[in-house]
């Protein structure tokens, strides 16, 4: 029995089970587990942990999520090729999920520890020029209609000239390589085409404001190519600016991603 006014110290046996000790150990374990996921170290089997309502993804979860993203790329690519060009926005969003890292989030390939690949890059890194516009990812086709002559942008996919060949690039070089120059002299990398479409232009979110270069390319015809309005020609000679090269570019970037993953990561998906 203790006298009034005296205090007791926790015995060595009790000290390790004190609430503060349990809480400290829990935080330490959580920090270690979080670092494994942050650094992509999930190649070994791990148990599922429930910690204050948080579930830790298992390797099976990651493999399933990866398969879902690849399926989405294939389905939306097919829909795009069949004329649903708005699917480019879904494609941009999935590409962002697969490869784009920020200070606060890691891409799926990074978390899988599989991002360091040799990425297929379309030929002709030197930007060709037509009225100040150039883009080696796509080609142009004139499609006359009753009212006007429409200029259509198409992804090259594998349709290259005999002297052109696929290139293989490290990710940073591939992601930041200039692949489009508009008539205003603005340069666009794959990153500069994918992220605005995914983040602000209807892929994963719609923003009130768009960056001026992307807005001019997608809304104001800064590609610089014009379409003849046959209904008003030659009386007025009205010409309509053509829009939309960013859609075909995103489809080609998707083709590059799929080609890279199917060759170098065949064991991750069916």
Protein backbone atom coordinates (compact mmCIF):
# COMPACT_ATOMS: atom_id res chain seq x y z
CA UNK A 1 0.00 0.00 0.00
CA UNK A 2 1.28 3.49 -0.87
CA UNK A 3 1.38 6.37 1.52
CA UNK A 4 -0.61 9.47 0.63
CA UNK A 5 1.36 11.83 -1.58
CA UNK A 6 3.79 9.23 -2.92
CA UNK A 7 4.04 8.19 -6.56
CA UNK A 8 5.11 4.97 -8.19
CA UNK A 9 7.31 4.48 -11.24
CA UNK A 10 6.33 1.91 -13.83
CA UNK A 11 8.23 -1.29 -13.40
CA UNK A 12 10.43 -2.51 -16.28
CA UNK A 13 7.82 -5.15 -17.00
CA UNK A 14 5.05 -2.53 -17.31
CA UNK A 15 7.05 0.15 -19.13
CA UNK A 16 6.94 -1.57 -22.54
CA UNK A 17 3.17 -1.88 -22.42
CA UNK A 18 2.46 1.70 -21.39
CA UNK A 19 0.14 3.56 -23.80
CA UNK A 20 2.90 5.91 -24.99
CA UNK A 21 5.16 2.96 -25.80
CA UNK A 22 2.49 1.16 -27.77
CA UNK A 23 1.66 4.34 -29.70
CA UNK A 24 5.35 5.01 -30.49
CA UNK A 25 5.86 1.48 -31.76
CA UNK A 26 2.73 1.77 -33.91
CA UNK A 27 3.96 5.02 -35.49
CA UNK A 28 7.39 3.51 -36.15
CA UNK A 29 5.92 0.46 -37.86
CA UNK A 30 3.59 2.63 -39.93
CA UNK A 31 6.50 4.84 -41.04
CA UNK A 32 8.51 1.80 -42.15
CA UNK A 33 5.57 0.31 -44.06
CA UNK A 34 4.80 3.66 -45.68
CA UNK A 35 8.40 4.03 -46.85
CA UNK A 36 8.21 0.61 -48.51
CA UNK A 37 5.22 1.74 -50.56
CA UNK A 38 6.69 5.17 -51.26
CA UNK A 39 9.90 3.67 -52.64
CA UNK A 40 8.15 0.98 -54.65
CA UNK A 41 9.49 -1.88 -52.51
CA UNK A 42 6.47 -4.14 -52.77
CA UNK A 43 7.96 -7.06 -54.66
CA UNK A 44 7.61 -9.47 -51.68
CA UNK A 45 4.43 -10.81 -50.18
CA UNK A 46 3.17 -8.60 -47.36
CA UNK A 47 0.29 -9.10 -44.98
CA UNK A 48 -2.73 -6.81 -45.16
CA UNK A 49 -2.67 -4.32 -42.31
CA UNK A 50 -5.51 -2.33 -40.89
CA UNK A 51 -4.16 0.66 -39.02
CA UNK A 52 -6.64 3.24 -37.84
CA UNK A 53 -8.88 2.48 -40.84
CA UNK A 54 -6.09 2.48 -43.47
CA UNK A 55 -5.66 -0.54 -45.73
CA UNK A 56 -2.26 -1.30 -47.22
CA UNK A 57 -2.37 -2.42 -50.85
CA UNK A 58 -0.93 -5.86 -51.46
CA UNK A 59 1.07 -6.99 -54.51
CA UNK A 60 -2.09 -8.68 -55.77
CA UNK A 61 -3.94 -5.37 -55.46
CA UNK A 62 -1.26 -3.58 -57.44
CA UNK A 63 -1.26 -6.20 -60.16
CA UNK A 64 -5.05 -5.97 -60.48
CA UNK A 65 -4.95 -2.16 -60.56
CA UNK A 66 -2.25 -2.26 -63.21
CA UNK A 67 -4.29 -4.67 -65.34
CA UNK A 68 -7.31 -2.37 -65.04
CA UNK A 69 -5.29 0.60 -66.29
CA UNK A 70 -3.95 -1.37 -69.27
CA UNK A 71 -7.46 -2.58 -70.09
CA UNK A 72 -8.67 1.03 -69.97
CA UNK A 73 -5.93 2.09 -72.40
CA UNK A 74 -6.85 -0.67 -74.83
CA UNK A 75 -10.60 -0.06 -74.66
CA UNK A 76 -10.35 3.71 -75.03
CA UNK A 77 -7.77 3.35 -77.82
CA UNK A 78 -10.16 1.13 -79.77
CA UNK A 79 -13.01 3.60 -79.19
CA UNK A 80 -10.80 6.47 -80.37
CA UNK A 81 -9.82 4.59 -83.52
CA UNK A 82 -13.52 4.00 -84.21
CA UNK A 83 -14.23 7.72 -84.13
CA UNK A 84 -14.84 8.60 -80.47
CA UNK A 85 -12.01 11.12 -80.25
CA UNK A 86 -13.14 12.36 -76.84
CA UNK A 87 -11.62 9.14 -75.47
CA UNK A 88 -8.28 10.93 -75.70
CA UNK A 89 -9.17 12.53 -72.38
CA UNK A 90 -9.61 9.13 -70.75
CA UNK A 91 -6.32 8.03 -72.30
CA UNK A 92 -4.52 11.09 -70.92
CA UNK A 93 -5.83 10.36 -67.43
CA UNK A 94 -4.65 6.74 -67.47
CA UNK A 95 -1.22 7.72 -68.81
CA UNK A 96 -0.95 10.19 -65.93
CA UNK A 97 -1.83 7.46 -63.41
CA UNK A 98 0.79 5.14 -64.89
CA UNK A 99 3.82 7.44 -65.19
CA UNK A 100 3.41 10.89 -63.61
CA UNK A 101 5.07 11.51 -60.22
CA UNK A 102 4.66 14.55 -58.00
CA UNK A 103 5.95 15.52 -54.59
CA UNK A 104 2.75 14.19 -53.03
CA UNK A 105 1.90 11.16 -55.15
CA UNK A 106 3.70 8.37 -56.97
CA UNK A 107 2.77 6.88 -60.31
CA UNK A 108 1.57 3.30 -60.47
CA UNK A 109 4.67 2.14 -62.35
CA UNK A 110 6.85 3.85 -59.73
CA UNK A 111 5.03 2.10 -56.90
CA UNK A 112 5.50 -1.19 -58.72
CA UNK A 113 9.21 -0.45 -59.09
CA UNK A 114 8.84 -0.83 -62.87
CA UNK A 115 9.13 2.71 -64.21
CA UNK A 116 12.76 2.51 -65.37
CA UNK A 117 12.04 1.23 -68.87
CA UNK A 118 13.24 2.09 -72.36
CA UNK A 119 10.22 3.91 -73.74
CA UNK A 120 9.29 3.62 -77.38
CA UNK A 121 9.38 7.03 -79.05
CA UNK A 122 7.95 7.79 -82.47
CA UNK A 123 10.51 8.59 -85.20
CA UNK A 124 11.56 12.02 -86.46
CA UNK A 125 12.67 13.88 -83.33
CA UNK A 126 13.44 16.85 -85.59
CA UNK A 127 10.16 18.74 -85.82
CA UNK A 128 8.99 19.09 -89.43
CA UNK A 129 7.48 22.41 -90.48
CA UNK A 130 4.32 23.25 -92.38
CA UNK A 131 3.18 26.85 -92.06
CA UNK A 132 5.08 26.98 -88.78
CA UNK A 133 3.45 23.84 -87.34
CA UNK A 134 5.26 20.59 -86.73
CA UNK A 135 4.54 17.32 -84.93
CA UNK A 136 6.21 13.94 -85.62
CA UNK A 137 3.52 12.02 -83.69
CA UNK A 138 0.73 12.59 -86.20
CA UNK A 139 -0.08 13.05 -89.87
CA UNK A 140 -2.67 15.21 -91.60
CA UNK A 141 -5.41 14.29 -94.06
CA UNK A 142 -7.79 16.48 -96.03
CA UNK A 143 -11.40 15.27 -96.00
CA UNK A 144 -13.67 17.33 -98.29
CA UNK A 145 -17.33 17.70 -97.32
CA UNK A 146 -20.23 19.66 -98.81
CA UNK A 147 -19.63 22.74 -96.69
CA UNK A 148 -15.89 22.74 -96.18
CA UNK A 149 -12.65 20.85 -96.58
CA UNK A 150 -11.85 19.38 -93.16
CA UNK A 151 -8.31 18.85 -91.98
CA UNK A 152 -8.06 15.72 -89.87
CA UNK A 153 -5.25 14.76 -87.50
CA UNK A 154 -4.37 11.09 -87.18
CA UNK A 155 -1.92 9.31 -84.86
CA UNK A 156 0.83 7.60 -86.82
CA UNK A 157 0.69 4.44 -84.70
CA UNK A 158 3.12 2.17 -86.62
CA UNK A 159 2.56 3.82 -90.00
CA UNK A 160 6.02 5.23 -90.69
CA UNK A 161 7.94 5.80 -93.88
CA UNK A 162 10.60 3.16 -94.74
CA UNK A 163 13.49 5.35 -93.54
CA UNK A 164 11.86 6.01 -90.14
CA UNK A 165 12.46 3.78 -87.13
CA UNK A 166 11.26 3.61 -83.55
CA UNK A 167 13.59 5.14 -80.99
CA UNK A 168 14.13 4.02 -77.36
CA UNK A 169 14.47 6.67 -74.65
CA UNK A 170 14.84 6.87 -70.89
CA UNK A 171 11.68 8.09 -69.20
CA UNK A 172 12.68 11.69 -68.46
CA UNK A 173 13.94 12.24 -71.99
CA UNK A 174 10.82 10.64 -73.45
CA UNK A 175 8.41 12.55 -71.18
CA UNK A 176 9.99 15.97 -71.74
CA UNK A 177 11.00 15.68 -75.40
CA UNK A 178 9.44 18.40 -77.61
CA UNK A 179 6.96 16.68 -79.91
CA UNK A 180 4.83 19.58 -81.15
CA UNK A 181 5.53 23.19 -82.13
CA UNK A 182 2.63 25.49 -82.96
CA UNK A 183 2.61 28.50 -85.24
CA UNK A 184 3.19 30.82 -82.27
CA UNK A 185 6.43 29.03 -81.50
CA UNK A 186 5.09 27.29 -78.37
CA UNK A 187 6.74 23.94 -77.73
CA UNK A 188 4.86 20.99 -76.25
CA UNK A 189 6.37 17.86 -74.72
CA UNK A 190 4.40 14.69 -74.06
CA UNK A 191 4.05 15.91 -70.48
CA UNK A 192 2.74 19.31 -71.65
CA UNK A 193 0.03 17.59 -73.74
CA UNK A 194 -0.99 14.87 -71.28
CA UNK A 195 -1.22 16.80 -68.01
CA UNK A 196 -3.43 19.74 -69.06
CA UNK A 197 -5.87 17.37 -70.72
CA UNK A 198 -5.95 15.05 -67.71
CA UNK A 199 -5.85 17.67 -64.95
CA UNK A 200 -7.89 20.57 -66.32
CA UNK A 201 -9.58 19.77 -69.63
CA UNK A 202 -12.02 17.01 -68.76
CA UNK A 203 -9.85 13.96 -68.20
CA UNK A 204 -9.90 13.73 -64.41
CA UNK A 205 -11.06 17.28 -63.71
CA UNK A 206 -12.44 20.41 -65.37
CA UNK A 207 -10.78 23.67 -64.42
CA UNK A 208 -12.12 27.19 -65.03
CA UNK A 209 -8.71 28.27 -66.35
CA UNK A 210 -6.37 26.66 -68.87
CA UNK A 211 -2.77 27.57 -69.57
CA UNK A 212 -2.55 29.95 -72.52
CA UNK A 213 -0.36 27.79 -74.84
CA UNK A 214 -2.61 24.72 -74.40
CA UNK A 215 -5.75 26.84 -74.74
CA UNK A 216 -4.51 28.39 -77.98
CA UNK A 217 -3.64 24.95 -79.36
CA UNK A 218 -6.94 23.33 -78.40
CA UNK A 219 -9.34 26.28 -78.73
CA UNK A 220 -7.86 28.90 -81.00
CA UNK A 221 -6.15 26.95 -83.76
CA UNK A 222 -2.55 27.84 -82.96
CA UNK A 223 -1.50 24.81 -85.03
CA UNK A 224 -1.81 27.42 -87.75
CA UNK A 225 -3.41 25.17 -90.35
CA UNK A 226 -6.56 26.47 -92.02
CA UNK A 227 -9.50 24.73 -93.65
CA UNK A 228 -11.16 26.16 -96.75
CA UNK A 229 -14.86 26.98 -96.35
CA UNK A 230 -16.27 25.81 -99.69
CA UNK A 231 -19.75 27.17 -98.97
CA UNK A 232 -18.50 30.77 -98.93
CA UNK A 233 -15.68 30.41 -101.44
CA UNK A 234 -14.78 32.23 -103.63
CA UNK A 235 -17.33 34.94 -102.84
CA UNK A 236 -15.87 35.60 -99.40
CA UNK A 237 -12.98 33.23 -99.19
CA UNK A 238 -13.76 32.38 -95.57
CA UNK A 239 -11.31 29.98 -93.99
CA UNK A 240 -11.90 28.07 -90.76
CA UNK A 241 -9.02 27.34 -88.35
CA UNK A 242 -8.51 23.66 -87.66
CA UNK A 243 -8.50 22.35 -84.09
CA UNK A 244 -7.57 19.21 -82.28
CA UNK A 245 -3.96 18.00 -82.84
CA UNK A 246 -3.66 17.34 -79.10
CA UNK A 247 -6.19 14.47 -79.34
CA UNK A 248 -4.21 12.58 -81.96
CA UNK A 249 -0.98 13.27 -80.08
CA UNK A 250 -2.36 11.72 -76.89
CA UNK A 251 -3.51 8.66 -78.85
CA UNK A 252 0.03 8.26 -80.24
CA UNK A 253 1.59 8.66 -76.77
CA UNK A 254 -0.77 5.92 -75.57
CA UNK A 255 0.42 3.69 -78.40
CA UNK A 256 4.02 4.29 -77.31
CA UNK A 257 3.19 3.40 -73.70
CA UNK A 258 1.35 0.21 -74.64
CA UNK A 259 4.12 -0.86 -76.98
CA UNK A 260 6.69 -0.31 -74.22
CA UNK A 261 4.77 -2.16 -71.52
CA UNK A 262 3.72 -5.11 -73.68
CA UNK A 263 7.34 -5.74 -74.63
CA UNK A 264 9.10 -5.09 -71.33
CA UNK A 265 6.53 -6.05 -68.68
CA UNK A 266 4.73 -9.06 -70.14
CA UNK A 267 4.51 -10.83 -66.79
CA UNK A 268 2.41 -8.11 -65.16
CA UNK A 269 -0.72 -8.53 -67.23
CA UNK A 270 -2.57 -10.93 -69.50
